[in-house]
């Protein structure tokens, strides 16, 4: 099990329970697939901040960080490590 696996699993649950999204896999592009829009992104940022104890700054708002569950997990882990340093 990688460090990312529990974060991926938790993000999948959050997407399902909070945003009512059910991506087909962790590498599905949520933007290209039309599953998430700008309003959903704002809600997603708040959810990720609350759930993982991170702060998403203006400079972090790059769609590449949030277009797939795998990328979100990598971003969350990087932010958590950044905040510990």
N, C-alpha and C. Protein backbone atom coordinates (compact mmCIF):
# COMPACT_ATOMS: atom_id res chain seq x y z
N UNK A 1 0.85 -1.17 0.00
CA UNK A 1 0.00 0.00 0.00
C UNK A 1 0.90 1.24 0.00
N UNK A 2 0.59 2.17 -0.90
CA UNK A 2 1.38 3.40 -0.96
C UNK A 2 0.78 4.43 -0.01
N UNK A 3 1.56 5.47 0.24
CA UNK A 3 1.11 6.58 1.09
C UNK A 3 -0.15 7.22 0.51
N UNK A 4 -0.28 7.16 -0.78
CA UNK A 4 -1.39 7.81 -1.46
C UNK A 4 -2.70 7.04 -1.35
N UNK A 5 -2.66 5.72 -1.19
CA UNK A 5 -3.87 4.89 -1.22
C UNK A 5 -4.98 5.34 -0.26
N UNK A 6 -4.68 5.59 1.03
CA UNK A 6 -5.76 6.02 1.92
C UNK A 6 -6.32 7.40 1.56
N UNK A 7 -5.47 8.26 1.03
CA UNK A 7 -5.93 9.59 0.62
C UNK A 7 -6.85 9.46 -0.60
N UNK A 8 -6.46 8.63 -1.55
CA UNK A 8 -7.29 8.37 -2.73
C UNK A 8 -8.65 7.83 -2.29
N UNK A 9 -8.64 6.86 -1.41
CA UNK A 9 -9.89 6.24 -0.94
C UNK A 9 -10.78 7.28 -0.26
N UNK A 10 -10.19 8.14 0.55
CA UNK A 10 -10.98 9.15 1.27
C UNK A 10 -11.55 10.19 0.30
N UNK A 11 -10.76 10.60 -0.69
CA UNK A 11 -11.25 11.55 -1.68
C UNK A 11 -12.41 10.96 -2.46
N UNK A 12 -12.32 9.68 -2.80
CA UNK A 12 -13.43 9.03 -3.52
C UNK A 12 -14.71 9.09 -2.69
N UNK A 13 -14.61 8.82 -1.40
CA UNK A 13 -15.78 8.87 -0.51
C UNK A 13 -16.32 10.30 -0.44
N UNK A 14 -15.42 11.27 -0.29
CA UNK A 14 -15.84 12.67 -0.22
C UNK A 14 -16.55 13.12 -1.49
N UNK A 15 -16.02 12.73 -2.63
CA UNK A 15 -16.66 13.08 -3.90
C UNK A 15 -18.05 12.47 -3.99
N UNK A 16 -18.16 11.22 -3.58
CA UNK A 16 -19.45 10.54 -3.65
C UNK A 16 -20.45 11.14 -2.66
N UNK A 17 -20.02 11.32 -1.41
CA UNK A 17 -20.96 11.74 -0.36
C UNK A 17 -21.27 13.23 -0.38
N UNK A 18 -20.30 14.06 -0.74
CA UNK A 18 -20.50 15.51 -0.67
C UNK A 18 -20.89 16.13 -2.01
N UNK A 19 -20.31 15.64 -3.09
CA UNK A 19 -20.57 16.23 -4.41
C UNK A 19 -21.40 15.31 -5.30
N UNK A 20 -21.74 14.13 -4.79
CA UNK A 20 -22.56 13.16 -5.52
C UNK A 20 -21.94 12.77 -6.86
N UNK A 21 -20.62 12.62 -6.86
CA UNK A 21 -19.88 12.20 -8.05
C UNK A 21 -19.42 10.77 -7.88
N UNK A 22 -19.41 10.03 -8.97
CA UNK A 22 -18.94 8.65 -8.93
C UNK A 22 -18.04 8.42 -10.15
N UNK A 23 -16.79 8.93 -10.08
CA UNK A 23 -15.87 8.76 -11.21
C UNK A 23 -15.62 7.29 -11.50
N UNK A 24 -15.49 6.91 -12.76
CA UNK A 24 -15.28 5.51 -13.11
C UNK A 24 -13.96 4.95 -12.58
N UNK A 25 -12.94 5.80 -12.47
CA UNK A 25 -11.67 5.35 -11.89
C UNK A 25 -10.91 6.57 -11.37
N UNK A 26 -9.81 6.32 -10.70
CA UNK A 26 -9.07 7.40 -10.03
C UNK A 26 -8.29 8.28 -11.00
N UNK A 27 -8.18 7.86 -12.25
CA UNK A 27 -7.49 8.67 -13.25
C UNK A 27 -8.44 9.32 -14.26
N UNK A 28 -9.74 9.20 -14.03
CA UNK A 28 -10.72 9.85 -14.91
C UNK A 28 -10.62 11.36 -14.74
N UNK A 29 -10.61 12.07 -15.85
CA UNK A 29 -10.54 13.52 -15.80
C UNK A 29 -11.93 14.07 -15.50
N UNK A 30 -12.09 14.62 -14.31
CA UNK A 30 -13.39 15.10 -13.86
C UNK A 30 -13.83 16.36 -14.62
N UNK A 31 -12.87 17.13 -15.09
CA UNK A 31 -13.18 18.35 -15.83
C UNK A 31 -13.58 17.99 -17.26
N UNK A 32 -12.71 17.27 -17.94
CA UNK A 32 -12.98 16.87 -19.33
C UNK A 32 -14.25 16.03 -19.43
N UNK A 33 -14.51 15.22 -18.40
CA UNK A 33 -15.69 14.37 -18.40
C UNK A 33 -16.96 15.11 -18.01
N UNK A 34 -16.84 16.40 -17.69
CA UNK A 34 -18.01 17.19 -17.33
C UNK A 34 -18.62 16.84 -15.98
N UNK A 35 -17.85 16.16 -15.14
CA UNK A 35 -18.38 15.73 -13.84
C UNK A 35 -18.31 16.83 -12.78
N UNK A 36 -17.44 17.81 -13.00
CA UNK A 36 -17.25 18.86 -12.00
C UNK A 36 -17.19 20.22 -12.71
N UNK A 37 -17.82 21.20 -12.10
CA UNK A 37 -17.83 22.55 -12.67
C UNK A 37 -17.21 23.53 -11.67
N UNK A 38 -17.23 24.80 -12.00
CA UNK A 38 -16.55 25.79 -11.16
C UNK A 38 -17.17 25.88 -9.76
N UNK A 39 -18.47 25.78 -9.66
CA UNK A 39 -19.11 25.82 -8.33
C UNK A 39 -18.72 24.60 -7.52
N UNK A 40 -18.66 23.45 -8.17
CA UNK A 40 -18.26 22.22 -7.48
C UNK A 40 -16.81 22.31 -7.02
N UNK A 41 -15.97 22.97 -7.81
CA UNK A 41 -14.57 23.14 -7.42
C UNK A 41 -14.46 23.93 -6.12
N UNK A 42 -15.23 24.98 -6.00
CA UNK A 42 -15.17 25.78 -4.77
C UNK A 42 -15.56 24.93 -3.57
N UNK A 43 -16.59 24.14 -3.71
CA UNK A 43 -17.01 23.26 -2.63
C UNK A 43 -15.94 22.20 -2.36
N UNK A 44 -15.33 21.68 -3.42
CA UNK A 44 -14.27 20.68 -3.28
C UNK A 44 -13.10 21.24 -2.49
N UNK A 45 -12.71 22.47 -2.76
CA UNK A 45 -11.57 23.07 -2.04
C UNK A 45 -11.85 23.13 -0.55
N UNK A 46 -13.05 23.55 -0.19
CA UNK A 46 -13.42 23.63 1.23
C UNK A 46 -13.41 22.24 1.86
N UNK A 47 -13.95 21.28 1.15
CA UNK A 47 -14.00 19.90 1.66
C UNK A 47 -12.59 19.37 1.89
N UNK A 48 -11.70 19.57 0.92
CA UNK A 48 -10.32 19.07 1.05
C UNK A 48 -9.60 19.77 2.20
N UNK A 49 -9.80 21.08 2.33
CA UNK A 49 -9.17 21.80 3.43
C UNK A 49 -9.64 21.26 4.78
N UNK A 50 -10.93 21.09 4.93
CA UNK A 50 -11.49 20.61 6.19
C UNK A 50 -11.06 19.18 6.50
N UNK A 51 -11.15 18.33 5.51
CA UNK A 51 -10.88 16.90 5.72
C UNK A 51 -9.40 16.61 5.99
N UNK A 52 -8.52 17.30 5.28
CA UNK A 52 -7.10 16.96 5.35
C UNK A 52 -6.26 17.99 6.10
N UNK A 53 -6.89 19.02 6.63
CA UNK A 53 -6.16 20.01 7.42
C UNK A 53 -5.13 20.79 6.62
N UNK A 54 -5.47 21.09 5.37
CA UNK A 54 -4.56 21.85 4.52
C UNK A 54 -5.18 23.20 4.21
N UNK A 55 -4.37 24.07 3.67
CA UNK A 55 -4.84 25.39 3.23
C UNK A 55 -4.54 25.51 1.74
N UNK A 56 -5.57 25.68 0.94
CA UNK A 56 -5.40 25.83 -0.51
C UNK A 56 -5.30 27.33 -0.80
N UNK A 57 -4.13 27.72 -1.25
CA UNK A 57 -3.84 29.13 -1.53
C UNK A 57 -4.21 29.47 -2.98
N UNK A 58 -4.30 30.73 -3.27
CA UNK A 58 -4.62 31.19 -4.61
C UNK A 58 -3.65 30.61 -5.64
N UNK A 59 -2.37 30.54 -5.30
CA UNK A 59 -1.37 29.99 -6.21
C UNK A 59 -1.52 28.50 -6.48
N UNK A 60 -2.32 27.81 -5.65
CA UNK A 60 -2.55 26.37 -5.81
C UNK A 60 -3.66 26.07 -6.80
N UNK A 61 -4.40 27.09 -7.21
CA UNK A 61 -5.59 26.88 -8.02
C UNK A 61 -5.24 26.62 -9.49
N UNK A 62 -4.65 25.47 -9.70
CA UNK A 62 -4.28 24.98 -11.03
C UNK A 62 -5.12 23.73 -11.28
N UNK A 63 -5.89 23.72 -12.34
CA UNK A 63 -6.77 22.58 -12.62
C UNK A 63 -6.02 21.26 -12.67
N UNK A 64 -4.75 21.31 -13.04
CA UNK A 64 -3.96 20.07 -13.09
C UNK A 64 -3.91 19.37 -11.74
N UNK A 65 -3.99 20.12 -10.65
CA UNK A 65 -3.96 19.52 -9.31
C UNK A 65 -5.26 18.80 -8.97
N UNK A 66 -6.34 19.14 -9.64
CA UNK A 66 -7.66 18.69 -9.21
C UNK A 66 -8.47 17.96 -10.28
N UNK A 67 -7.88 17.69 -11.43
CA UNK A 67 -8.68 17.10 -12.51
C UNK A 67 -8.92 15.60 -12.32
N UNK A 68 -8.06 14.90 -11.57
CA UNK A 68 -8.29 13.48 -11.28
C UNK A 68 -8.14 13.25 -9.78
N UNK A 69 -8.66 12.15 -9.32
CA UNK A 69 -8.52 11.80 -7.91
C UNK A 69 -7.05 11.55 -7.57
N UNK A 70 -6.33 10.90 -8.44
CA UNK A 70 -4.90 10.64 -8.21
C UNK A 70 -4.14 11.95 -8.04
N UNK A 71 -4.42 12.91 -8.87
CA UNK A 71 -3.72 14.20 -8.78
C UNK A 71 -4.12 14.96 -7.52
N UNK A 72 -5.40 14.86 -7.15
CA UNK A 72 -5.84 15.49 -5.91
C UNK A 72 -5.10 14.89 -4.72
N UNK A 73 -4.98 13.58 -4.71
CA UNK A 73 -4.28 12.90 -3.61
C UNK A 73 -2.83 13.34 -3.53
N UNK A 74 -2.16 13.42 -4.67
CA UNK A 74 -0.77 13.87 -4.69
C UNK A 74 -0.66 15.30 -4.17
N UNK A 75 -1.60 16.15 -4.58
CA UNK A 75 -1.62 17.54 -4.12
C UNK A 75 -1.81 17.60 -2.61
N UNK A 76 -2.79 16.86 -2.09
CA UNK A 76 -3.08 16.86 -0.65
C UNK A 76 -1.84 16.43 0.13
N UNK A 77 -1.21 15.36 -0.29
CA UNK A 77 -0.02 14.86 0.41
C UNK A 77 1.10 15.90 0.37
N UNK A 78 1.29 16.52 -0.78
CA UNK A 78 2.33 17.55 -0.91
C UNK A 78 2.03 18.72 0.03
N UNK A 79 0.76 19.15 0.10
CA UNK A 79 0.39 20.26 0.99
C UNK A 79 0.58 19.87 2.45
N UNK A 80 0.22 18.66 2.81
CA UNK A 80 0.41 18.21 4.19
C UNK A 80 1.89 18.21 4.55
N UNK A 81 2.72 17.74 3.65
CA UNK A 81 4.17 17.71 3.90
C UNK A 81 4.74 19.11 3.96
N UNK A 82 4.22 20.00 3.13
CA UNK A 82 4.66 21.40 3.11
C UNK A 82 4.34 22.10 4.42
N UNK A 83 3.19 21.80 4.98
CA UNK A 83 2.75 22.46 6.21
C UNK A 83 3.48 21.93 7.42
N UNK A 84 4.07 20.74 7.30
CA UNK A 84 4.84 20.18 8.41
C UNK A 84 6.23 20.79 8.44
N UNK A 85 6.77 21.10 7.26
CA UNK A 85 8.15 21.63 7.17
C UNK A 85 8.34 22.93 7.86
